[in-house]
Amino acid sequence: MFTTHDIAKATISSCDKNEQMRLQALLLVKNGLSPSKVAEDFLVYRSTICRWVKRAEKEGLLSLKCKNGRGVKSLLKKNNFQS
């Protein structure tokens, strides 16, 4: 299990804004704020906050990192950039 100190340390060391947001939300919930209030503050659904908390408790803080392969894929090939 992790402590609020662990969450704060992970938040500071993270370079990814989405990961920082998830960790900050987790920290607020662990400090006693309701998931509904945290969701309102972060402009996400309450179920999203609850999912982040469950995932962190089950799989650890690393589970809140952004996964590779997400986002829009480039339509250009690498050889198109060569001149």
Foldseek 3Di string as FASTA:
>chain_A
DDDLVVLVVVLVPDPDPQLNLLSVLLSVVRVPDQLCVSCVVVVHDSVVNVVSNVCCVVPNSVVSDDDPPDDDDDPDDPVVPDD
